[in-house]
N, C-alpha and C. Protein backbone atom coordinates (compact mmCIF):
# COMPACT_ATOMS: atom_id res chain seq x y z
N MET A 1 46.12 -29.58 -2.24
CA MET A 1 47.47 -29.11 -2.45
C MET A 1 48.19 -29.16 -1.12
N PRO A 2 49.38 -29.72 -1.08
CA PRO A 2 50.10 -29.83 0.20
C PRO A 2 50.55 -28.47 0.68
N SER A 3 50.64 -28.35 1.97
CA SER A 3 51.05 -27.08 2.55
C SER A 3 52.53 -26.85 2.30
N ALA A 4 52.94 -25.59 2.41
CA ALA A 4 54.34 -25.23 2.14
C ALA A 4 55.27 -25.80 3.21
N ARG A 5 54.78 -26.01 4.40
CA ARG A 5 55.61 -26.56 5.47
C ARG A 5 55.71 -28.08 5.32
N SER A 6 56.77 -28.56 5.70
CA SER A 6 56.94 -30.01 5.68
C SER A 6 56.27 -30.58 6.92
N SER A 7 55.55 -31.65 6.72
CA SER A 7 54.85 -32.23 7.87
C SER A 7 55.82 -32.90 8.83
N ALA A 8 57.04 -33.13 8.38
CA ALA A 8 58.02 -33.78 9.24
C ALA A 8 58.68 -32.78 10.20
N ALA A 9 58.64 -31.50 9.86
CA ALA A 9 59.30 -30.51 10.70
C ALA A 9 58.45 -30.28 11.95
N PRO A 10 59.05 -30.33 13.10
CA PRO A 10 58.27 -30.14 14.33
C PRO A 10 57.87 -28.66 14.49
N ARG A 11 56.72 -28.46 15.02
CA ARG A 11 56.23 -27.10 15.26
C ARG A 11 56.80 -26.59 16.57
N ARG A 12 57.01 -25.28 16.60
CA ARG A 12 57.50 -24.70 17.85
C ARG A 12 56.34 -24.53 18.80
N GLN A 13 56.55 -24.91 19.98
CA GLN A 13 55.54 -24.75 21.02
C GLN A 13 55.73 -23.37 21.64
N PRO A 14 54.61 -22.64 21.88
CA PRO A 14 54.79 -21.33 22.51
C PRO A 14 55.32 -21.50 23.92
N ARG A 15 56.17 -20.58 24.27
CA ARG A 15 56.73 -20.64 25.62
C ARG A 15 55.71 -20.14 26.62
N PRO A 16 55.62 -20.75 27.74
CA PRO A 16 54.72 -20.22 28.76
C PRO A 16 55.22 -18.86 29.21
N SER A 17 54.28 -17.94 29.30
CA SER A 17 54.70 -16.59 29.65
C SER A 17 54.87 -16.50 31.16
N ARG A 18 56.02 -16.04 31.55
CA ARG A 18 56.30 -15.82 32.96
C ARG A 18 56.55 -14.35 33.14
N PRO A 19 55.94 -13.77 34.13
CA PRO A 19 56.20 -12.33 34.33
C PRO A 19 57.64 -12.12 34.74
N PRO A 20 58.19 -10.96 34.37
CA PRO A 20 59.57 -10.65 34.79
C PRO A 20 59.67 -10.62 36.32
N ALA A 21 60.86 -10.70 36.78
CA ALA A 21 61.07 -10.83 38.21
C ALA A 21 60.61 -9.61 39.00
N GLY A 22 60.68 -8.41 38.44
CA GLY A 22 60.34 -7.22 39.19
C GLY A 22 58.86 -6.86 39.12
N ARG A 23 58.04 -7.64 38.45
CA ARG A 23 56.63 -7.29 38.24
C ARG A 23 55.74 -8.22 39.06
N PRO A 24 54.63 -7.71 39.65
CA PRO A 24 53.73 -8.59 40.39
C PRO A 24 53.05 -9.58 39.46
N GLN A 25 52.60 -10.68 40.00
CA GLN A 25 52.01 -11.77 39.22
C GLN A 25 50.75 -11.37 38.46
N GLY A 26 49.82 -10.62 39.03
CA GLY A 26 48.52 -10.34 38.42
C GLY A 26 48.53 -9.17 37.45
N LEU A 27 49.62 -8.43 37.32
CA LEU A 27 49.65 -7.23 36.49
C LEU A 27 49.98 -7.60 35.05
N VAL A 28 49.11 -7.13 34.13
CA VAL A 28 49.35 -7.35 32.70
C VAL A 28 49.64 -6.00 32.09
N LEU A 29 50.72 -5.89 31.35
CA LEU A 29 51.09 -4.61 30.78
C LEU A 29 50.18 -4.21 29.61
N ARG A 30 49.93 -5.13 28.71
CA ARG A 30 49.06 -4.83 27.57
C ARG A 30 47.91 -5.82 27.56
N GLY A 31 46.74 -5.30 27.21
CA GLY A 31 45.57 -6.17 27.14
C GLY A 31 45.65 -7.08 25.92
N PRO A 32 44.75 -8.01 25.82
CA PRO A 32 44.77 -8.89 24.64
C PRO A 32 44.51 -8.07 23.38
N ARG A 33 45.15 -8.42 22.34
CA ARG A 33 45.05 -7.68 21.09
C ARG A 33 43.67 -7.97 20.46
N LEU A 34 42.94 -6.89 20.14
CA LEU A 34 41.61 -7.06 19.55
C LEU A 34 41.76 -7.29 18.05
N ARG A 35 41.07 -8.31 17.58
CA ARG A 35 41.10 -8.61 16.15
C ARG A 35 39.85 -8.05 15.51
N VAL A 36 39.99 -7.57 14.31
CA VAL A 36 38.84 -7.08 13.55
C VAL A 36 38.20 -8.30 12.88
N ARG A 37 36.92 -8.45 13.13
CA ARG A 37 36.21 -9.58 12.53
C ARG A 37 35.57 -9.08 11.24
N TRP A 38 36.31 -9.26 10.14
CA TRP A 38 35.90 -8.69 8.87
C TRP A 38 34.60 -9.29 8.35
N GLU A 39 34.34 -10.56 8.63
CA GLU A 39 33.09 -11.15 8.15
C GLU A 39 31.89 -10.47 8.83
N ARG A 40 32.07 -10.09 10.09
CA ARG A 40 31.00 -9.39 10.80
C ARG A 40 30.83 -7.97 10.25
N VAL A 41 31.92 -7.29 9.98
CA VAL A 41 31.86 -5.94 9.41
C VAL A 41 31.19 -6.00 8.04
N GLY A 42 31.52 -7.02 7.25
CA GLY A 42 30.90 -7.19 5.94
C GLY A 42 29.40 -7.41 6.04
N ARG A 43 28.99 -8.25 6.98
CA ARG A 43 27.56 -8.52 7.17
C ARG A 43 26.82 -7.27 7.60
N ILE A 44 27.41 -6.51 8.50
CA ILE A 44 26.77 -5.27 8.97
C ILE A 44 26.68 -4.27 7.81
N GLY A 45 27.72 -4.20 7.02
CA GLY A 45 27.70 -3.31 5.85
C GLY A 45 26.61 -3.72 4.87
N LEU A 46 26.47 -5.00 4.61
CA LEU A 46 25.42 -5.48 3.71
C LEU A 46 24.03 -5.20 4.27
N LEU A 47 23.86 -5.37 5.57
CA LEU A 47 22.57 -5.05 6.18
C LEU A 47 22.25 -3.57 6.06
N PHE A 48 23.26 -2.73 6.21
CA PHE A 48 23.06 -1.29 6.05
C PHE A 48 22.64 -0.95 4.62
N VAL A 49 23.31 -1.54 3.65
CA VAL A 49 22.96 -1.29 2.24
C VAL A 49 21.55 -1.79 1.96
N LEU A 50 21.19 -2.95 2.49
CA LEU A 50 19.83 -3.48 2.31
C LEU A 50 18.80 -2.54 2.92
N ALA A 51 19.09 -2.01 4.09
CA ALA A 51 18.15 -1.07 4.74
C ALA A 51 17.98 0.19 3.91
N VAL A 52 19.05 0.69 3.31
CA VAL A 52 18.95 1.89 2.47
C VAL A 52 18.10 1.60 1.23
N VAL A 53 18.33 0.44 0.60
CA VAL A 53 17.55 0.09 -0.60
C VAL A 53 16.07 -0.07 -0.25
N VAL A 54 15.77 -0.72 0.86
CA VAL A 54 14.37 -0.87 1.28
C VAL A 54 13.75 0.49 1.55
N ALA A 55 14.49 1.37 2.20
CA ALA A 55 13.97 2.71 2.49
C ALA A 55 13.67 3.48 1.21
N LEU A 56 14.48 3.27 0.17
CA LEU A 56 14.24 3.95 -1.10
C LEU A 56 12.97 3.43 -1.77
N TYR A 57 12.65 2.15 -1.61
CA TYR A 57 11.47 1.58 -2.24
C TYR A 57 10.20 1.78 -1.43
N VAL A 58 10.30 2.07 -0.16
CA VAL A 58 9.11 2.24 0.68
C VAL A 58 8.27 3.41 0.17
N GLU A 59 8.90 4.51 -0.16
CA GLU A 59 8.17 5.68 -0.64
C GLU A 59 7.40 5.36 -1.92
N HIS A 60 8.03 4.64 -2.83
CA HIS A 60 7.36 4.29 -4.08
C HIS A 60 6.21 3.31 -3.84
N THR A 61 6.39 2.41 -2.91
CA THR A 61 5.33 1.44 -2.61
C THR A 61 4.13 2.15 -2.00
N VAL A 62 4.36 3.07 -1.09
CA VAL A 62 3.26 3.82 -0.48
C VAL A 62 2.54 4.64 -1.54
N SER A 63 3.30 5.28 -2.42
CA SER A 63 2.71 6.07 -3.50
C SER A 63 1.87 5.18 -4.42
N TYR A 64 2.35 3.98 -4.70
CA TYR A 64 1.59 3.04 -5.56
C TYR A 64 0.25 2.70 -4.92
N PHE A 65 0.24 2.37 -3.65
CA PHE A 65 -1.01 1.99 -2.99
C PHE A 65 -1.96 3.18 -2.87
N GLN A 66 -1.44 4.39 -2.65
CA GLN A 66 -2.30 5.57 -2.61
C GLN A 66 -2.94 5.83 -3.98
N THR A 67 -2.15 5.69 -5.03
CA THR A 67 -2.68 5.88 -6.38
C THR A 67 -3.73 4.84 -6.71
N ARG A 68 -3.48 3.62 -6.29
CA ARG A 68 -4.44 2.53 -6.54
C ARG A 68 -5.75 2.79 -5.80
N ALA A 69 -5.69 3.25 -4.56
CA ALA A 69 -6.90 3.55 -3.80
C ALA A 69 -7.67 4.70 -4.45
N GLN A 70 -6.94 5.72 -4.92
CA GLN A 70 -7.60 6.85 -5.58
C GLN A 70 -8.27 6.37 -6.87
N ALA A 71 -7.63 5.50 -7.62
CA ALA A 71 -8.22 4.97 -8.85
C ALA A 71 -9.49 4.18 -8.55
N ASP A 72 -9.48 3.41 -7.46
CA ASP A 72 -10.68 2.66 -7.07
C ASP A 72 -11.83 3.60 -6.72
N ARG A 73 -11.52 4.68 -5.98
CA ARG A 73 -12.56 5.66 -5.63
C ARG A 73 -13.13 6.32 -6.88
N GLN A 74 -12.26 6.69 -7.80
CA GLN A 74 -12.73 7.33 -9.01
C GLN A 74 -13.54 6.37 -9.88
N GLN A 75 -13.15 5.10 -9.89
CA GLN A 75 -13.91 4.11 -10.66
C GLN A 75 -15.30 3.93 -10.07
N SER A 76 -15.43 3.94 -8.76
CA SER A 76 -16.76 3.82 -8.16
C SER A 76 -17.60 5.05 -8.46
N THR A 77 -16.97 6.23 -8.51
CA THR A 77 -17.70 7.45 -8.88
C THR A 77 -18.18 7.36 -10.33
N VAL A 78 -17.34 6.87 -11.22
CA VAL A 78 -17.71 6.72 -12.62
C VAL A 78 -18.88 5.75 -12.75
N THR A 79 -18.86 4.65 -12.03
CA THR A 79 -19.94 3.67 -12.09
C THR A 79 -21.25 4.29 -11.61
N THR A 80 -21.20 5.05 -10.52
CA THR A 80 -22.40 5.72 -10.01
C THR A 80 -22.95 6.71 -11.03
N LEU A 81 -22.08 7.49 -11.65
CA LEU A 81 -22.52 8.47 -12.64
C LEU A 81 -23.09 7.79 -13.90
N GLN A 82 -22.54 6.66 -14.27
CA GLN A 82 -23.08 5.92 -15.41
C GLN A 82 -24.50 5.42 -15.12
N ARG A 83 -24.71 4.93 -13.90
CA ARG A 83 -26.07 4.49 -13.52
C ARG A 83 -27.05 5.66 -13.55
N GLN A 84 -26.63 6.80 -13.00
CA GLN A 84 -27.50 7.98 -13.01
C GLN A 84 -27.80 8.43 -14.44
N ASN A 85 -26.79 8.38 -15.30
CA ASN A 85 -26.99 8.78 -16.69
C ASN A 85 -27.99 7.86 -17.37
N ALA A 86 -27.89 6.55 -17.13
CA ALA A 86 -28.82 5.60 -17.73
C ALA A 86 -30.24 5.86 -17.24
N ALA A 87 -30.39 6.15 -15.95
CA ALA A 87 -31.73 6.42 -15.40
C ALA A 87 -32.30 7.71 -15.99
N LEU A 88 -31.48 8.73 -16.12
CA LEU A 88 -31.96 9.99 -16.69
C LEU A 88 -32.30 9.84 -18.18
N THR A 89 -31.55 9.03 -18.90
CA THR A 89 -31.87 8.78 -20.30
C THR A 89 -33.21 8.08 -20.45
N ARG A 90 -33.47 7.07 -19.58
CA ARG A 90 -34.78 6.38 -19.60
C ARG A 90 -35.90 7.37 -19.27
N GLN A 91 -35.67 8.22 -18.28
CA GLN A 91 -36.69 9.20 -17.89
C GLN A 91 -36.96 10.19 -19.03
N GLN A 92 -35.92 10.61 -19.73
CA GLN A 92 -36.09 11.53 -20.85
C GLN A 92 -36.92 10.89 -21.96
N LYS A 93 -36.62 9.62 -22.28
CA LYS A 93 -37.40 8.94 -23.31
C LYS A 93 -38.85 8.79 -22.88
N SER A 94 -39.08 8.50 -21.62
CA SER A 94 -40.44 8.34 -21.11
C SER A 94 -41.20 9.66 -21.17
N LEU A 95 -40.54 10.75 -20.79
CA LEU A 95 -41.21 12.05 -20.78
C LEU A 95 -41.42 12.59 -22.20
N SER A 96 -40.66 12.12 -23.17
CA SER A 96 -40.85 12.57 -24.55
C SER A 96 -41.98 11.82 -25.24
N ASN A 97 -42.47 10.75 -24.66
CA ASN A 97 -43.55 9.96 -25.24
C ASN A 97 -44.86 10.76 -25.15
N PRO A 98 -45.60 10.92 -26.26
CA PRO A 98 -46.84 11.70 -26.23
C PRO A 98 -47.87 11.16 -25.24
N ALA A 99 -47.98 9.87 -25.08
CA ALA A 99 -48.96 9.31 -24.15
C ALA A 99 -48.63 9.73 -22.71
N THR A 100 -47.35 9.77 -22.36
CA THR A 100 -46.95 10.18 -21.02
C THR A 100 -47.25 11.67 -20.81
N ILE A 101 -47.02 12.47 -21.85
CA ILE A 101 -47.30 13.90 -21.74
C ILE A 101 -48.79 14.12 -21.47
N ILE A 102 -49.64 13.41 -22.19
CA ILE A 102 -51.09 13.56 -22.02
C ILE A 102 -51.51 13.12 -20.63
N SER A 103 -51.04 11.97 -20.16
CA SER A 103 -51.46 11.48 -18.84
C SER A 103 -50.98 12.41 -17.73
N ASP A 104 -49.76 12.95 -17.85
CA ASP A 104 -49.26 13.89 -16.83
C ASP A 104 -50.08 15.19 -16.84
N ALA A 105 -50.46 15.66 -18.02
CA ALA A 105 -51.27 16.88 -18.12
C ALA A 105 -52.65 16.66 -17.51
N ARG A 106 -53.26 15.51 -17.76
CA ARG A 106 -54.58 15.21 -17.17
C ARG A 106 -54.47 15.13 -15.65
N ALA A 107 -53.34 14.58 -15.14
CA ALA A 107 -53.17 14.49 -13.69
C ALA A 107 -53.07 15.87 -13.06
N LEU A 108 -52.58 16.83 -13.83
CA LEU A 108 -52.50 18.20 -13.33
C LEU A 108 -53.80 18.98 -13.52
N GLY A 109 -54.82 18.36 -14.13
CA GLY A 109 -56.12 19.00 -14.31
C GLY A 109 -56.25 19.77 -15.61
N MET A 110 -55.42 19.56 -16.55
CA MET A 110 -55.49 20.25 -17.83
C MET A 110 -56.45 19.53 -18.76
N VAL A 111 -57.07 20.29 -19.67
CA VAL A 111 -57.98 19.72 -20.67
C VAL A 111 -57.58 20.23 -22.03
N ARG A 112 -57.98 19.49 -23.06
CA ARG A 112 -57.68 19.91 -24.43
C ARG A 112 -58.66 21.00 -24.84
N PRO A 113 -58.27 21.76 -25.82
CA PRO A 113 -59.21 22.78 -26.28
C PRO A 113 -60.51 22.12 -26.80
N GLY A 114 -61.61 22.63 -26.35
CA GLY A 114 -62.92 22.13 -26.77
C GLY A 114 -63.47 21.08 -25.81
N GLU A 115 -62.72 20.60 -24.86
CA GLU A 115 -63.23 19.61 -23.90
C GLU A 115 -63.83 20.33 -22.71
N GLN A 116 -64.75 19.65 -22.05
CA GLN A 116 -65.41 20.16 -20.85
C GLN A 116 -64.78 19.49 -19.65
N ALA A 117 -64.33 20.25 -18.63
CA ALA A 117 -63.74 19.69 -17.42
C ALA A 117 -64.82 19.44 -16.39
N TYR A 118 -64.81 18.30 -15.76
CA TYR A 118 -65.79 17.96 -14.73
C TYR A 118 -65.03 17.63 -13.44
N ALA A 119 -65.56 18.08 -12.31
CA ALA A 119 -65.01 17.76 -11.00
C ALA A 119 -66.09 17.02 -10.24
N ILE A 120 -65.81 15.81 -9.79
CA ILE A 120 -66.78 14.97 -9.06
C ILE A 120 -66.51 15.14 -7.59
N THR A 121 -67.53 15.54 -6.86
CA THR A 121 -67.42 15.67 -5.43
C THR A 121 -68.49 14.79 -4.80
N GLY A 122 -68.29 14.46 -3.57
CA GLY A 122 -69.29 13.64 -2.91
C GLY A 122 -68.59 12.56 -2.10
N SER A 123 -69.29 11.44 -2.02
CA SER A 123 -68.76 10.36 -1.17
C SER A 123 -67.50 9.79 -1.81
N GLY A 124 -66.51 9.54 -0.98
CA GLY A 124 -65.24 9.02 -1.47
C GLY A 124 -65.22 7.51 -1.57
N GLY A 125 -66.15 6.81 -0.83
CA GLY A 125 -66.09 5.35 -0.81
C GLY A 125 -66.86 4.71 -1.94
N HIS A 126 -68.22 5.01 -2.09
CA HIS A 126 -69.03 4.31 -3.09
C HIS A 126 -69.69 5.24 -3.99
């Protein structure tokens, strides 16, 4: 789209600034006018918003990892207890077997009613 100005119209050239006659050459009355760089302000604002959003999610992320670690610890405890339960169940079945009861009783020196107990003493080798 063509600009509103006619390209044939000459542009005005800025006049060179000359200090007034009563003022020294190096003295400037007003400093250069500071411009607001809105694109920079916008970028800084967006970075601030991003930092706030990240800060809001950090707490939830830390909580997630703590919960996950606790779940892993509890799962390892459950696995250990399951192994112990299986071992105790096997031991219970073994101890309930009549043959095991008899052999354990004989190892303790017990005899059945009507049996004669003998103790062998003497040489241990032959």
